[in-house]
Amino acid sequence: MFLKRVVYGILYILVLIFEIIKATINVALKVFKKDSINPVVVEVHTDLKRTVSQTILANSITLTPGTLSVDLDPENQIIKVAIIAPRDTKDIIPFEPYIKQMLE
């Protein structure tokens, strides 16, 4: 059990780093191409039950360029996220399964 959590913790860090790099390139391309930026706030529903897991997910979202967690509703498992361009909410939280395996 402990080894499984360690492995998922390492995978989480790797996925987080990959998503940060990918988002940085995406935001830079938007700036250089002068693409329209249409900021919106979306509600992201999460399967994470523990508050600490939801907090780690919200902080991971904030670390990713172009996104900012603005509110966390732990009881309803909802994170409000401000993003610079509309996109699918599943693209915002690709590291959720790793956090779930690591902490839930």
Protein backbone atom coordinates (compact mmCIF):
# COMPACT_ATOMS: atom_id res chain seq x y z
CA MET A 1 0.00 0.00 0.00
CA PHE A 2 2.76 2.43 0.96
CA LEU A 3 4.77 1.62 -2.17
CA LYS A 4 1.69 2.19 -4.34
CA ARG A 5 1.23 5.65 -2.83
CA VAL A 6 4.90 6.50 -3.38
CA VAL A 7 4.71 5.40 -7.03
CA TYR A 8 1.57 7.48 -7.60
CA GLY A 9 3.23 10.42 -5.83
CA ILE A 10 6.16 10.25 -8.24
CA LEU A 11 3.80 9.92 -11.22
CA TYR A 12 1.80 12.91 -9.94
CA ILE A 13 4.93 15.06 -9.80
CA LEU A 14 5.95 14.00 -13.32
CA VAL A 15 2.48 14.68 -14.74
CA LEU A 16 2.34 18.03 -12.94
CA ILE A 17 5.71 19.08 -14.38
CA PHE A 18 4.62 17.97 -17.86
CA GLU A 19 1.33 19.90 -17.60
CA ILE A 20 3.13 23.03 -16.35
CA ILE A 21 5.52 22.90 -19.33
CA LYS A 22 2.65 22.25 -21.76
CA ALA A 23 0.56 25.10 -20.33
CA THR A 24 3.54 27.48 -20.36
CA ILE A 25 4.07 26.84 -24.06
CA ASN A 26 0.35 27.21 -24.74
CA VAL A 27 0.13 30.56 -22.93
CA ALA A 28 3.30 31.81 -24.64
CA LEU A 29 1.90 30.90 -28.05
CA LYS A 30 -1.34 32.72 -27.26
CA VAL A 31 0.64 35.83 -26.34
CA PHE A 32 2.94 35.74 -29.36
CA LYS A 33 0.15 34.93 -31.83
CA LYS A 34 -2.03 37.55 -30.18
CA ASP A 35 -4.88 35.05 -29.92
CA SER A 36 -8.01 36.29 -28.29
CA ILE A 37 -8.09 35.66 -24.58
CA ASN A 38 -11.59 35.07 -23.25
CA PRO A 39 -11.24 34.56 -19.51
CA VAL A 40 -14.01 32.53 -17.91
CA VAL A 41 -14.67 30.96 -14.54
CA VAL A 42 -15.72 27.32 -14.68
CA GLU A 43 -16.80 24.87 -12.01
CA VAL A 44 -14.73 21.71 -11.93
CA HIS A 45 -16.33 18.75 -10.20
CA THR A 46 -13.89 16.41 -8.54
CA ASP A 47 -14.13 12.85 -7.28
CA LEU A 48 -11.76 13.63 -4.41
CA LYS A 49 -13.44 13.36 -1.03
CA ARG A 50 -10.74 14.49 1.40
CA THR A 51 -10.17 18.22 1.87
CA VAL A 52 -6.40 17.80 1.71
CA SER A 53 -6.72 16.05 -1.67
CA GLN A 54 -8.99 18.79 -3.00
CA THR A 55 -6.56 21.44 -1.76
CA ILE A 56 -3.62 19.76 -3.48
CA LEU A 57 -5.66 19.58 -6.69
CA ALA A 58 -6.63 23.27 -6.42
CA ASN A 59 -3.00 24.26 -5.82
CA SER A 60 -1.86 22.12 -8.75
CA ILE A 61 -4.37 23.90 -10.97
CA THR A 62 -3.05 27.27 -9.79
CA LEU A 63 0.54 26.22 -10.53
CA THR A 64 -0.41 25.59 -14.15
CA PRO A 65 -0.08 28.79 -16.24
CA GLY A 66 -3.38 30.11 -17.61
CA THR A 67 -5.45 28.76 -14.72
CA LEU A 68 -6.21 30.00 -11.23
CA SER A 69 -8.28 28.28 -8.54
CA VAL A 70 -10.54 30.92 -7.02
CA ASP A 71 -12.82 28.91 -4.75
CA LEU A 72 -12.97 25.47 -3.18
CA ASP A 73 -16.23 23.95 -1.98
CA PRO A 74 -15.13 20.76 -0.19
CA GLU A 75 -18.64 19.65 0.74
CA ASN A 76 -19.92 19.66 -2.85
CA GLN A 77 -16.52 18.69 -4.29
CA ILE A 78 -16.38 21.72 -6.60
CA ILE A 79 -13.41 23.91 -7.47
CA LYS A 80 -14.05 27.19 -9.27
CA VAL A 81 -11.26 27.87 -11.73
CA ALA A 82 -10.51 31.01 -13.74
CA ILE A 83 -9.02 30.13 -17.13
CA ILE A 84 -7.77 32.37 -19.92
CA ALA A 85 -9.62 30.51 -22.69
CA PRO A 86 -12.62 28.17 -22.57
CA ARG A 87 -11.78 24.46 -22.69
CA ASP A 88 -12.99 21.13 -21.42
CA THR A 89 -12.83 20.82 -17.65
CA LYS A 90 -11.17 17.40 -17.86
CA ASP A 91 -8.19 19.13 -19.54
CA ILE A 92 -7.81 21.26 -16.42
CA ILE A 93 -7.38 18.36 -13.97
CA PRO A 94 -5.31 15.59 -15.61
CA PHE A 95 -3.50 14.91 -12.32
CA GLU A 96 -6.66 14.13 -10.31
CA PRO A 97 -6.37 10.29 -10.66
CA TYR A 98 -2.81 10.39 -9.30
CA ILE A 99 -3.84 12.47 -6.29
CA LYS A 100 -6.74 10.09 -5.69
CA GLN A 101 -4.49 7.03 -5.70
CA MET A 102 -1.88 8.81 -3.61
CA LEU A 103 -4.07 10.24 -0.84
CA GLU A 104 -7.57 8.79 -0.86
